[in-house]
């Protein structure tokens, strides 16, 4: 169930500042406050979706397309496409999801290795 008091919802409402790198009609993207790589961007949809399953099940086609097109654009703007990057969408407790608002981590700028801890 979506919690409208989660930190990403509060960031979307402008209640909490972020280091924004991109915004359009579908997403807001900002730097992670505890980066795991030289480039660590969080990409969040503007809609109220708790996780990847909720997003893929309930978002409109335009929202899904807009989200993933934005991810590609952000990766290119951040200069991480050529050498490669990792995209991670943690889902649920076992997946390590810490904020109950669907989000994708983009990590790059250096070799990431087999795992991120």
PDB file of N, CA and C in Angstrom:
ATOM      1  N   UNK A   1       0.839  -1.184   0.000  1.00  0.00           N
ATOM      2  CA  UNK A   1       0.000   0.000   0.000  1.00  0.00           C
ATOM      3  C   UNK A   1       0.886   1.251   0.000  1.00  0.00           C
ATOM      4  N   UNK A   2       0.514   2.230  -0.784  1.00  0.00           N
ATOM      5  CA  UNK A   2       1.302   3.449  -0.918  1.00  0.00           C
ATOM      6  C   UNK A   2       1.120   4.352   0.295  1.00  0.00           C
ATOM      7  N   UNK A   3       2.230   4.841   0.813  1.00  0.00           N
ATOM      8  CA  UNK A   3       2.216   5.766   1.949  1.00  0.00           C
ATOM      9  C   UNK A   3       2.553   7.168   1.440  1.00  0.00           C
ATOM     10  N   UNK A   4       1.586   8.082   1.396  1.00  0.00           N
ATOM     11  CA  UNK A   4       1.845   9.425   0.872  1.00  0.00           C
ATOM     12  C   UNK A   4       2.776  10.261   1.756  1.00  0.00           C
ATOM     13  N   UNK A   5       3.161   9.732   2.894  1.00  0.00           N
ATOM     14  CA  UNK A   5       4.085  10.447   3.781  1.00  0.00           C
ATOM     15  C   UNK A   5       5.536  10.011   3.580  1.00  0.00           C
ATOM     16  N   UNK A   6       5.793   9.085   2.615  1.00  0.00           N
ATOM     17  CA  UNK A   6       7.162   8.627   2.399  1.00  0.00           C
ATOM     18  C   UNK A   6       8.032   9.782   1.908  1.00  0.00           C
ATOM     19  N   UNK A   7       9.328   9.647   2.086  1.00  0.00           N
ATOM     20  CA  UNK A   7      10.251  10.747   1.786  1.00  0.00           C
ATOM     21  C   UNK A   7      10.217  11.171   0.320  1.00  0.00           C
ATOM     22  N   UNK A   8      10.032  10.235  -0.606  1.00  0.00           N
ATOM     23  CA  UNK A   8      10.006  10.614  -2.019  1.00  0.00           C
ATOM     24  C   UNK A   8       8.732  11.379  -2.358  1.00  0.00           C
ATOM     25  N   UNK A   9       7.621  11.009  -1.753  1.00  0.00           N
ATOM     26  CA  UNK A   9       6.380  11.767  -1.943  1.00  0.00           C
ATOM     27  C   UNK A   9       6.566  13.185  -1.417  1.00  0.00           C
ATOM     28  N   UNK A  10       7.246  13.320  -0.305  1.00  0.00           N
ATOM     29  CA  UNK A  10       7.503  14.641   0.277  1.00  0.00           C
ATOM     30  C   UNK A  10       8.447  15.458  -0.606  1.00  0.00           C
ATOM     31  N   UNK A  11       9.426  14.792  -1.212  1.00  0.00           N
ATOM     32  CA  UNK A  11      10.315  15.479  -2.160  1.00  0.00           C
ATOM     33  C   UNK A  11       9.508  15.944  -3.368  1.00  0.00           C
ATOM     34  N   UNK A  12       8.642  15.090  -3.902  1.00  0.00           N
ATOM     35  CA  UNK A  12       7.812  15.468  -5.049  1.00  0.00           C
ATOM     36  C   UNK A  12       6.923  16.669  -4.742  1.00  0.00           C
ATOM     37  N   UNK A  13       6.443  16.754  -3.507  1.00  0.00           N
ATOM     38  CA  UNK A  13       5.588  17.892  -3.113  1.00  0.00           C
ATOM     39  C   UNK A  13       6.396  19.138  -2.780  1.00  0.00           C
ATOM     40  N   UNK A  14       7.714  19.050  -2.800  1.00  0.00           N
ATOM     41  CA  UNK A  14       8.562  20.197  -2.494  1.00  0.00           C
ATOM     42  C   UNK A  14       8.757  20.449  -1.019  1.00  0.00           C
ATOM     43  N   UNK A  15       8.370  19.497  -0.174  1.00  0.00           N
ATOM     44  CA  UNK A  15       8.519  19.650   1.272  1.00  0.00           C
ATOM     45  C   UNK A  15       9.950  19.405   1.735  1.00  0.00           C
ATOM     46  N   UNK A  16      10.689  18.616   0.967  1.00  0.00           N
ATOM     47  CA  UNK A  16      12.080  18.286   1.266  1.00  0.00           C
ATOM     48  C   UNK A  16      12.883  18.587   0.006  1.00  0.00           C
ATOM     49  N   UNK A  17      14.007  19.301   0.138  1.00  0.00           N
ATOM     50  CA  UNK A  17      14.807  19.604  -1.051  1.00  0.00           C
ATOM     51  C   UNK A  17      15.566  18.379  -1.554  1.00  0.00           C
ATOM     52  N   UNK A  18      15.978  18.442  -2.816  1.00  0.00           N
ATOM     53  CA  UNK A  18      16.804  17.396  -3.403  1.00  0.00           C
ATOM     54  C   UNK A  18      17.790  18.045  -4.366  1.00  0.00           C
ATOM     55  N   UNK A  19      18.810  17.298  -4.728  1.00  0.00           N
ATOM     56  CA  UNK A  19      19.787  17.755  -5.708  1.00  0.00           C
ATOM     57  C   UNK A  19      19.321  17.260  -7.077  1.00  0.00           C
ATOM     58  N   UNK A  20      18.381  17.995  -7.649  1.00  0.00           N
ATOM     59  CA  UNK A  20      17.705  17.583  -8.883  1.00  0.00           C
ATOM     60  C   UNK A  20      18.654  17.619 -10.077  1.00  0.00           C
ATOM     61  N   UNK A  21      18.591  16.543 -10.888  1.00  0.00           N
ATOM     62  CA  UNK A  21      19.358  16.504 -12.130  1.00  0.00           C
ATOM     63  C   UNK A  21      18.453  16.472 -13.359  1.00  0.00           C
ATOM     64  N   UNK A  22      17.170  16.134 -13.172  1.00  0.00           N
ATOM     65  CA  UNK A  22      16.256  16.039 -14.306  1.00  0.00           C
ATOM     66  C   UNK A  22      14.821  16.030 -13.792  1.00  0.00           C
ATOM     67  N   UNK A  23      13.937  16.648 -14.573  1.00  0.00           N
ATOM     68  CA  UNK A  23      12.509  16.583 -14.274  1.00  0.00           C
ATOM     69  C   UNK A  23      11.736  16.786 -15.559  1.00  0.00           C
ATOM     70  N   UNK A  24      10.667  16.017 -15.719  1.00  0.00           N
ATOM     71  CA  UNK A  24       9.728  16.217 -16.816  1.00  0.00           C
ATOM     72  C   UNK A  24       8.331  15.893 -16.292  1.00  0.00           C
ATOM     73  N   UNK A  25       7.391  15.682 -17.186  1.00  0.00           N
ATOM     74  CA  UNK A  25       6.009  15.418 -16.772  1.00  0.00           C
ATOM     75  C   UNK A  25       5.841  14.102 -16.028  1.00  0.00           C
ATOM     76  N   UNK A  26       6.779  13.173 -16.223  1.00  0.00           N
ATOM     77  CA  UNK A  26       6.620  11.826 -15.678  1.00  0.00           C
ATOM     78  C   UNK A  26       7.536  11.495 -14.507  1.00  0.00           C
ATOM     79  N   UNK A  27       8.718  12.116 -14.451  1.00  0.00           N
ATOM     80  CA  UNK A  27       9.713  11.730 -13.445  1.00  0.00           C
ATOM     81  C   UNK A  27      10.403  12.931 -12.818  1.00  0.00           C
ATOM     82  N   UNK A  28      10.976  12.644 -11.663  1.00  0.00           N
ATOM     83  CA  UNK A  28      11.933  13.524 -11.013  1.00  0.00           C
ATOM     84  C   UNK A  28      13.161  12.670 -10.749  1.00  0.00           C
ATOM     85  N   UNK A  29      14.340  13.198 -11.053  1.00  0.00           N
ATOM     86  CA  UNK A  29      15.582  12.467 -10.814  1.00  0.00           C
ATOM     87  C   UNK A  29      16.521  13.359 -10.019  1.00  0.00           C
ATOM     88  N   UNK A  30      17.182  12.752  -9.032  1.00  0.00           N
ATOM     89  CA  UNK A  30      18.065  13.516  -8.161  1.00  0.00           C
ATOM     90  C   UNK A  30      19.186  12.633  -7.650  1.00  0.00           C
ATOM     91  N   UNK A  31      20.240  13.267  -7.187  1.00  0.00           N
ATOM     92  CA  UNK A  31      21.402  12.540  -6.671  1.00  0.00           C
ATOM     93  C   UNK A  31      21.063  11.880  -5.336  1.00  0.00           C
ATOM     94  N   UNK A  32      21.540  10.649  -5.174  1.00  0.00           N
ATOM     95  CA  UNK A  32      21.362   9.926  -3.917  1.00  0.00           C
ATOM     96  C   UNK A  32      22.202  10.610  -2.838  1.00  0.00           C
ATOM     97  N   UNK A  33      21.667  10.716  -1.623  1.00  0.00           N
ATOM     98  CA  UNK A  33      22.402  11.383  -0.543  1.00  0.00           C
ATOM     99  C   UNK A  33      23.517  10.506   0.036  1.00  0.00           C
ATOM    100  N   UNK A  34      23.495   9.216  -0.277  1.00  0.00           N
ATOM    101  CA  UNK A  34      24.551   8.290   0.163  1.00  0.00           C
ATOM    102  C   UNK A  34      25.013   7.494  -1.055  1.00  0.00           C
ATOM    103  N   UNK A  35      25.718   8.144  -1.994  1.00  0.00           N
ATOM    104  CA  UNK A  35      26.049   7.487  -3.261  1.00  0.00           C
ATOM    105  C   UNK A  35      26.946   6.265  -3.105  1.00  0.00           C
ATOM    106  N   UNK A  36      26.668   5.260  -3.935  1.00  0.00           N
ATOM    107  CA  UNK A  36      27.446   4.022  -3.977  1.00  0.00           C
ATOM    108  C   UNK A  36      28.361   3.978  -5.186  1.00  0.00           C
ATOM    109  N   UNK A  37      28.371   5.045  -5.993  1.00  0.00           N
ATOM    110  CA  UNK A  37      29.203   5.152  -7.186  1.00  0.00           C
ATOM    111  C   UNK A  37      29.381   6.639  -7.477  1.00  0.00           C
ATOM    112  N   UNK A  38      30.352   6.999  -8.317  1.00  0.00           N
ATOM    113  CA  UNK A  38      30.526   8.415  -8.652  1.00  0.00           C
ATOM    114  C   UNK A  38      29.244   9.067  -9.189  1.00  0.00           C
ATOM    115  N   UNK A  39      28.484   8.319  -9.974  1.00  0.00           N
ATOM    116  CA  UNK A  39      27.158   8.773 -10.412  1.00  0.00           C
ATOM    117  C   UNK A  39      26.147   7.839  -9.760  1.00  0.00           C
ATOM    118  N   UNK A  40      25.286   8.390  -8.925  1.00  0.00           N
ATOM    119  CA  UNK A  40      24.227   7.597  -8.293  1.00  0.00           C
ATOM    120  C   UNK A  40      22.990   8.487  -8.262  1.00  0.00           C
ATOM    121  N   UNK A  41      22.120   8.236  -9.221  1.00  0.00           N
ATOM    122  CA  UNK A  41      20.907   9.025  -9.415  1.00  0.00           C
ATOM    123  C   UNK A  41      19.690   8.172  -9.077  1.00  0.00           C
ATOM    124  N   UNK A  42      18.732   8.755  -8.381  1.00  0.00           N
ATOM    125  CA  UNK A  42      17.444   8.113  -8.129  1.00  0.00           C
ATOM    126  C   UNK A  42      16.438   8.699  -9.104  1.00  0.00           C
ATOM    127  N   UNK A  43      15.724   7.835  -9.807  1.00  0.00           N
ATOM    128  CA  UNK A  43      14.695   8.257 -10.744  1.00  0.00           C
ATOM    129  C   UNK A  43      13.364   7.771 -10.191  1.00  0.00           C
ATOM    130  N   UNK A  44      12.447   8.719  -9.948  1.00  0.00           N
ATOM    131  CA  UNK A  44      11.158   8.354  -9.361  1.00  0.00           C
ATOM    132  C   UNK A  44      10.024   8.853 -10.259  1.00  0.00           C
ATOM    133  N   UNK A  45       8.987   8.038 -10.407  1.00  0.00           N
ATOM    134  CA  UNK A  45       7.828   8.522 -11.151  1.00  0.00           C
ATOM    135  C   UNK A  45       7.072   9.538 -10.303  1.00  0.00           C
ATOM    136  N   UNK A  46       6.367  10.423 -10.961  1.00  0.00           N
ATOM    137  CA  UNK A  46       5.580  11.420 -10.233  1.00  0.00           C
ATOM    138  C   UNK A  46       4.275  10.839  -9.694  1.00  0.00           C
ATOM    139  N   UNK A  47       3.876   9.681 -10.198  1.00  0.00           N
ATOM    140  CA  UNK A  47       2.678   9.024  -9.702  1.00  0.00           C
ATOM    141  C   UNK A  47       2.948   8.287  -8.406  1.00  0.00           C
ATOM    142  N   UNK A  48       1.883   7.978  -7.682  1.00  0.00           N
ATOM    143  CA  UNK A  48       1.964   7.313  -6.374  1.00  0.00           C
ATOM    144  C   UNK A  48       1.980   5.795  -6.553  1.00  0.00           C
ATOM    145  N   UNK A  49       3.183   5.249  -6.777  1.00  0.00           N
ATOM    146  CA  UNK A  49       3.355   3.806  -6.966  1.00  0.00           C
ATOM    147  C   UNK A  49       4.339   3.299  -5.922  1.00  0.00           C
ATOM    148  N   UNK A  50       3.968   2.249  -5.222  1.00  0.00           N
ATOM    149  CA  UNK A  50       4.784   1.780  -4.099  1.00  0.00           C
ATOM    150  C   UNK A  50       6.028   1.012  -4.526  1.00  0.00           C
ATOM    151  N   UNK A  51       5.971   0.306  -5.655  1.00  0.00           N
ATOM    152  CA  UNK A  51       7.120  -0.499  -6.079  1.00  0.00           C
ATOM    153  C   UNK A  51       6.987  -0.820  -7.564  1.00  0.00           C
ATOM    154  N   UNK A  52       7.938  -1.579  -8.083  1.00  0.00           N
ATOM    155  CA  UNK A  52       7.955  -1.916  -9.511  1.00  0.00           C
ATOM    156  C   UNK A  52       6.681  -2.647  -9.936  1.00  0.00           C
ATOM    157  N   UNK A  53       6.208  -3.555  -9.113  1.00  0.00           N
ATOM    158  CA  UNK A  53       4.998  -4.309  -9.462  1.00  0.00           C
ATOM    159  C   UNK A  53       3.789  -3.386  -9.528  1.00  0.00           C
ATOM    160  N   UNK A  54       3.643  -2.515  -8.552  1.00  0.00           N
ATOM    161  CA  UNK A  54       2.546  -1.551  -8.538  1.00  0.00           C
ATOM    162  C   UNK A  54       2.628  -0.655  -9.777  1.00  0.00           C
ATOM    163  N   UNK A  55       3.833  -0.164 -10.086  1.00  0.00           N
ATOM    164  CA  UNK A  55       4.029   0.713 -11.241  1.00  0.00           C
ATOM    165  C   UNK A  55       3.685  -0.006 -12.540  1.00  0.00           C
ATOM    166  N   UNK A  56       4.242  -1.191 -12.743  1.00  0.00           N
ATOM    167  CA  UNK A  56       4.022  -1.893 -14.013  1.00  0.00           C
ATOM    168  C   UNK A  56       2.578  -2.376 -14.168  1.00  0.00           C
ATOM    169  N   UNK A  57       1.887  -2.563 -13.052  1.00  0.00           N
ATOM    170  CA  UNK A  57       0.499  -3.023 -13.094  1.00  0.00           C
ATOM    171  C   UNK A  57      -0.498  -1.878 -13.261  1.00  0.00           C
ATOM    172  N   UNK A  58      -0.224  -0.735 -12.609  1.00  0.00           N
ATOM    173  CA  UNK A  58      -1.231   0.320 -12.545  1.00  0.00           C
ATOM    174  C   UNK A  58      -0.912   1.605 -13.303  1.00  0.00           C
ATOM    175  N   UNK A  59       0.338   1.835 -13.658  1.00  0.00           N
ATOM    176  CA  UNK A  59       0.677   3.058 -14.390  1.00  0.00           C
ATOM    177  C   UNK A  59       0.142   2.972 -15.818  1.00  0.00           C
ATOM    178  N   UNK A  60      -0.132   4.123 -16.377  1.00  0.00           N
ATOM    179  CA  UNK A  60      -0.585   4.161 -17.774  1.00  0.00           C
ATOM    180  C   UNK A  60       0.594   3.846 -18.692  1.00  0.00           C
ATOM    181  N   UNK A  61       0.276   3.503 -19.920  1.00  0.00           N
ATOM    182  CA  UNK A  61       1.327   3.266 -20.906  1.00  0.00           C
ATOM    183  C   UNK A  61       2.220   4.485 -21.076  1.00  0.00           C
ATOM    184  N   UNK A  62       1.603   5.670 -21.060  1.00  0.00           N
ATOM    185  CA  UNK A  62       2.382   6.905 -21.205  1.00  0.00           C
ATOM    186  C   UNK A  62       3.343   7.091 -20.023  1.00  0.00           C
ATOM    187  N   UNK A  63       2.897   6.759 -18.816  1.00  0.00           N
ATOM    188  CA  UNK A  63       3.771   6.883 -17.644  1.00  0.00           C
ATOM    189  C   UNK A  63       4.948   5.914 -17.721  1.00  0.00           C
ATOM    190  N   UNK A  64       4.664   4.677 -18.108  1.00  0.00           N
ATOM    191  CA  UNK A  64       5.728   3.671 -18.210  1.00  0.00           C
ATOM    192  C   UNK A  64       6.721   4.069 -19.291  1.00  0.00           C
ATOM    193  N   UNK A  65       6.211   4.436 -20.444  1.00  0.00           N
ATOM    194  CA  UNK A  65       7.097   4.855 -21.530  1.00  0.00           C
ATOM    195  C   UNK A  65       7.891   6.094 -21.127  1.00  0.00           C
ATOM    196  N   UNK A  66       7.222   7.067 -20.544  1.00  0.00           N
ATOM    197  CA  UNK A  66       7.898   8.292 -20.125  1.00  0.00           C
ATOM    198  C   UNK A  66       8.981   8.031 -19.098  1.00  0.00           C
ATOM    199  N   UNK A  67       8.709   7.110 -18.172  1.00  0.00           N
ATOM    200  CA  UNK A  67       9.688   6.787 -17.134  1.00  0.00           C
ATOM    201  C   UNK A  67      10.954   6.207 -17.769  1.00  0.00           C
ATOM    202  N   UNK A  68      10.802   5.188 -18.591  1.00  0.00           N
ATOM    203  CA  UNK A  68      11.979   4.518 -19.137  1.00  0.00           C
ATOM    204  C   UNK A  68      12.697   5.349 -20.192  1.00  0.00           C
ATOM    205  N   UNK A  69      11.982   6.185 -20.917  1.00  0.00           N
ATOM    206  CA  UNK A  69      12.665   7.112 -21.827  1.00  0.00           C
ATOM    207  C   UNK A  69      13.478   8.123 -21.014  1.00  0.00           C
ATOM    208  N   UNK A  70      12.942   8.557 -19.891  1.00  0.00           N
ATOM    209  CA  UNK A  70      13.678   9.488 -19.028  1.00  0.00           C
ATOM    210  C   UNK A  70      14.934   8.827 -18.469  1.00  0.00           C
ATOM    211  N   UNK A  71      14.840   7.571 -18.063  1.00  0.00           N
ATOM    212  CA  UNK A  71      16.017   6.855 -17.550  1.00  0.00           C
ATOM    213  C   UNK A  71      17.125   6.867 -18.595  1.00  0.00           C
ATOM    214  N   UNK A  72      16.791   6.562 -19.835  1.00  0.00           N
ATOM    215  CA  UNK A  72      17.789   6.560 -20.906  1.00  0.00           C
ATOM    216  C   UNK A  72      18.382   7.949 -21.116  1.00  0.00           C
ATOM    217  N   UNK A  73      17.543   8.954 -21.101  1.00  0.00           N
ATOM    218  CA  UNK A  73      18.003  10.336 -21.291  1.00  0.00           C
ATOM    219  C   UNK A  73      18.927  10.758 -20.151  1.00  0.00           C
ATOM    220  N   UNK A  74      18.564  10.430 -18.927  1.00  0.00           N
ATOM    221  CA  UNK A  74      19.376  10.790 -17.762  1.00  0.00           C
ATOM    222  C   UNK A  74      20.734  10.098 -17.828  1.00  0.00           C
ATOM    223  N   UNK A  75      20.744   8.816 -18.167  1.00  0.00           N
ATOM    224  CA  UNK A  75      22.013   8.084 -18.281  1.00  0.00           C
ATOM    225  C   UNK A  75      22.909   8.753 -19.320  1.00  0.00           C
ATOM    226  N   UNK A  76      22.338   9.151 -20.446  1.00  0.00           N
ATOM    227  CA  UNK A  76      23.121   9.821 -21.483  1.00  0.00           C
ATOM    228  C   UNK A  76      23.635  11.176 -20.988  1.00  0.00           C
ATOM    229  N   UNK A  77      22.753  11.957 -20.353  1.00  0.00           N
ATOM    230  CA  UNK A  77      23.159  13.271 -19.841  1.00  0.00           C
ATOM    231  C   UNK A  77      24.246  13.162 -18.776  1.00  0.00           C
ATOM    232  N   UNK A  78      24.245  12.082 -18.015  1.00  0.00           N
ATOM    233  CA  UNK A  78      25.238  11.886 -16.962  1.00  0.00           C
ATOM    234  C   UNK A  78      26.543  11.296 -17.498  1.00  0.00           C
ATOM    235  N   UNK A  79      26.570  10.951 -18.781  1.00  0.00           N
ATOM    236  CA  UNK A  79      27.779  10.449 -19.414  1.00  0.00           C
ATOM    237  C   UNK A  79      28.153   9.026 -19.038  1.00  0.00           C
ATOM    238  N   UNK A  80      27.172   8.213 -18.682  1.00  0.00           N
ATOM    239  CA  UNK A  80      27.477   6.846 -18.235  1.00  0.00           C
ATOM    240  C   UNK A  80      27.066   5.765 -19.235  1.00  0.00           C
ATOM    241  N   UNK A  81      26.533   6.158 -20.366  1.00  0.00           N
ATOM    242  CA  UNK A  81      26.062   5.168 -21.336  1.00  0.00           C
ATOM    243  C   UNK A  81      27.232   4.428 -21.988  1.00  0.00           C
ATOM    244  N   UNK A  82      28.249   5.157 -22.409  1.00  0.00           N
ATOM    245  CA  UNK A  82      29.352   4.551 -23.159  1.00  0.00           C
ATOM    246  C   UNK A  82      30.078   3.452 -22.410  1.00  0.00           C
ATOM    247  N   UNK A  83      30.445   3.702 -21.163  1.00  0.00           N
ATOM    248  CA  UNK A  83      31.182   2.714 -20.379  1.00  0.00           C
ATOM    249  C   UNK A  83      30.271   1.732 -19.663  1.00  0.00           C
ATOM    250  N   UNK A  84      29.001   2.045 -19.588  1.00  0.00           N
ATOM    251  CA  UNK A  84      28.038   1.162 -18.928  1.00  0.00           C
ATOM    252  C   UNK A  84      27.641   1.654 -17.554  1.00  0.00           C
ATOM    253  N   UNK A  85      26.529   1.152 -17.104  1.00  0.00           N
ATOM    254  CA  UNK A  85      25.984   1.540 -15.805  1.00  0.00           C
ATOM    255  C   UNK A  85      25.109   0.411 -15.285  1.00  0.00           C
ATOM    256  N   UNK A  86      24.709   0.530 -14.060  1.00  0.00           N
ATOM    257  CA  UNK A  86      23.789  -0.435 -13.458  1.00  0.00           C
ATOM    258  C   UNK A  86      22.499   0.300 -13.115  1.00  0.00           C
ATOM    259  N   UNK A  87      21.374  -0.351 -13.372  1.00  0.00           N
ATOM    260  CA  UNK A  87      20.078   0.165 -12.940  1.00  0.00           C
ATOM    261  C   UNK A  87      19.468  -0.864 -12.010  1.00  0.00           C
ATOM    262  N   UNK A  88      18.989  -0.385 -10.874  1.00  0.00           N
ATOM    263  CA  UNK A  88      18.469  -1.279  -9.838  1.00  0.00           C
ATOM    264  C   UNK A  88      17.105  -0.767  -9.377  1.00  0.00           C
ATOM    265  N   UNK A  89      16.141  -1.653  -9.317  1.00  0.00           N
ATOM    266  CA  UNK A  89      14.836  -1.345  -8.734  1.00  0.00           C
ATOM    267  C   UNK A  89      14.591  -2.368  -7.625  1.00  0.00           C
ATOM    268  N   UNK A  90      14.888  -1.988  -6.406  1.00  0.00           N
ATOM    269  CA  UNK A  90      14.639  -2.869  -5.264  1.00  0.00           C
ATOM    270  C   UNK A  90      13.134  -2.931  -5.013  1.00  0.00           C
ATOM    271  N   UNK A  91      12.636  -4.124  -4.723  1.00  0.00           N
ATOM    272  CA  UNK A  91      11.200  -4.301  -4.511  1.00  0.00           C
ATOM    273  C   UNK A  91      10.967  -5.112  -3.254  1.00  0.00           C
ATOM    274  N   UNK A  92      10.239  -4.538  -2.304  1.00  0.00           N
ATOM    275  CA  UNK A  92       9.864  -5.233  -1.074  1.00  0.00           C
ATOM    276  C   UNK A  92      11.009  -5.420  -0.102  1.00  0.00           C
ATOM    277  N   UNK A  93      10.670  -5.975   1.046  1.00  0.00           N
ATOM    278  CA  UNK A  93      11.647  -6.184   2.115  1.00  0.00           C
ATOM    279  C   UNK A  93      12.805  -7.072   1.689  1.00  0.00           C
ATOM    280  N   UNK A  94      12.512  -8.191   1.050  1.00  0.00           N
ATOM    281  CA  UNK A  94      13.573  -9.103   0.642  1.00  0.00           C
ATOM    282  C   UNK A  94      14.435  -8.516  -0.464  1.00  0.00           C
ATOM    283  N   UNK A  95      13.898  -7.587  -1.232  1.00  0.00           N
ATOM    284  CA  UNK A  95      14.651  -6.928  -2.290  1.00  0.00           C
ATOM    285  C   UNK A  95      15.442  -5.726  -1.807  1.00  0.00           C
ATOM    286  N   UNK A  96      15.291  -5.388  -0.538  1.00  0.00           N
ATOM    287  CA  UNK A  96      16.047  -4.276   0.027  1.00  0.00           C
ATOM    288  C   UNK A  96      15.449  -2.904  -0.218  1.00  0.00           C
ATOM    289  N   UNK A  97      14.161  -2.836  -0.545  1.00  0.00           N
ATOM    290  CA  UNK A  97      13.528  -1.535  -0.787  1.00  0.00           C
ATOM    291  C   UNK A  97      13.393  -0.788   0.534  1.00  0.00           C
ATOM    292  N   UNK A  98      13.935   0.421   0.583  1.00  0.00           N
ATOM    293  CA  UNK A  98      13.902   1.213   1.812  1.00  0.00           C
ATOM    294  C   UNK A  98      12.812   2.280   1.812  1.00  0.00           C
ATOM    295  N   UNK A  99      12.453   2.781   0.631  1.00  0.00           N
ATOM    296  CA  UNK A  99      11.418   3.818   0.527  1.00  0.00           C
ATOM    297  C   UNK A  99      10.256   3.239  -0.269  1.00  0.00           C
ATOM    298  N   UNK A 100       9.044   3.267   0.275  1.00  0.00           N
ATOM    299  CA  UNK A 100       7.897   2.656  -0.409  1.00  0.00           C
ATOM    300  C   UNK A 100       7.302   3.528  -1.517  1.00  0.00           C
ATOM    301  N   UNK A 101       8.171   4.015  -2.388  1.00  0.00           N
ATOM    302  CA  UNK A 101       7.781   4.730  -3.608  1.00  0.00           C
ATOM    303  C   UNK A 101       8.683   4.155  -4.685  1.00  0.00           C
ATOM    304  N   UNK A 102       8.105   3.625  -5.771  1.00  0.00           N
ATOM    305  CA  UNK A 102       8.907   3.030  -6.830  1.00  0.00           C
ATOM    306  C   UNK A 102      10.016   3.981  -7.246  1.00  0.00           C
ATOM    307  N   UNK A 103      11.220   3.444  -7.353  1.00  0.00           N
ATOM    308  CA  UNK A 103      12.356   4.235  -7.824  1.00  0.00           C
ATOM    309  C   UNK A 103      13.403   3.323  -8.428  1.00  0.00           C
ATOM    310  N   UNK A 104      14.180   3.906  -9.303  1.00  0.00           N
ATOM    311  CA  UNK A 104      15.259   3.194  -9.971  1.00  0.00           C
ATOM    312  C   UNK A 104      16.562   3.904  -9.622  1.00  0.00           C
ATOM    313  N   UNK A 105      17.558   3.113  -9.232  1.00  0.00           N
ATOM    314  CA  UNK A 105      18.896   3.645  -8.997  1.00  0.00           C
ATOM    315  C   UNK A 105      19.686   3.527 -10.287  1.00  0.00           C
ATOM    316  N   UNK A 106      20.333   4.594 -10.709  1.00  0.00           N
ATOM    317  CA  UNK A 106      21.285   4.567 -11.821  1.00  0.00           C
ATOM    318  C   UNK A 106      22.667   4.774 -11.216  1.00  0.00           C
ATOM    319  N   UNK A 107      23.555   3.794 -11.407  1.00  0.00           N
ATOM    320  CA  UNK A 107      24.906   3.882 -10.863  1.00  0.00           C
ATOM    321  C   UNK A 107      25.910   3.733 -11.985  1.00  0.00           C
ATOM    322  N   UNK A 108      26.913   4.581 -11.985  1.00  0.00           N
ATOM    323  CA  UNK A 108      27.947   4.516 -13.013  1.00  0.00           C
ATOM    324  C   UNK A 108      29.089   5.447 -12.699  1.00  0.00           C
ATOM    325  N   UNK A 109      29.929   5.663 -13.705  1.00  0.00           N
ATOM    326  CA  UNK A 109      31.067   6.547 -13.544  1.00  0.00           C
ATOM    327  C   UNK A 109      32.342   5.847 -13.116  1.00  0.00           C
ATOM    328  N   UNK A 110      32.246   4.560 -12.833  1.00  0.00           N
ATOM    329  CA  UNK A 110      33.379   3.720 -12.442  1.00  0.00           C
ATOM    330  C   UNK A 110      32.880   2.280 -12.488  1.00  0.00           C
ATOM    331  N   UNK A 111      33.807   1.305 -12.547  1.00  0.00           N
ATOM    332  CA  UNK A 111      33.354  -0.089 -12.484  1.00  0.00           C
ATOM    333  C   UNK A 111      32.556  -0.330 -11.194  1.00  0.00           C
ATOM    334  N   UNK A 112      31.391  -0.910 -11.323  1.00  0.00           N
ATOM    335  CA  UNK A 112      30.517  -1.154 -10.182  1.00  0.00           C
ATOM    336  C   UNK A 112      30.847  -2.475  -9.504  1.00  0.00           C
ATOM    337  N   UNK A 113      31.321  -3.447 -10.263  1.00  0.00           N
ATOM    338  CA  UNK A 113      31.605  -4.755  -9.692  1.00  0.00           C
ATOM    339  C   UNK A 113      30.382  -5.621  -9.709  1.00  0.00           C
ATOM    340  N   UNK A 114      30.503  -6.845  -9.195  1.00  0.00           N
ATOM    341  CA  UNK A 114      29.400  -7.790  -9.280  1.00  0.00           C
ATOM    342  C   UNK A 114      28.229  -7.468  -8.359  1.00  0.00           C
ATOM    343  N   UNK A 115      28.467  -6.737  -7.267  1.00  0.00           N
ATOM    344  CA  UNK A 115      27.385  -6.437  -6.312  1.00  0.00           C
ATOM    345  C   UNK A 115      27.564  -5.029  -5.778  1.00  0.00           C
ATOM    346  N   UNK A 116      26.485  -4.440  -5.299  1.00  0.00           N
ATOM    347  CA  UNK A 116      26.530  -3.161  -4.612  1.00  0.00           C
ATOM    348  C   UNK A 116      26.072  -3.417  -3.188  1.00  0.00           C
ATOM    349  N   UNK A 117      26.862  -2.967  -2.231  1.00  0.00           N
ATOM    350  CA  UNK A 117      26.449  -3.187  -0.837  1.00  0.00           C
ATOM    351  C   UNK A 117      26.092  -1.906  -0.153  1.00  0.00           C
TER     352      UNK A 117
END
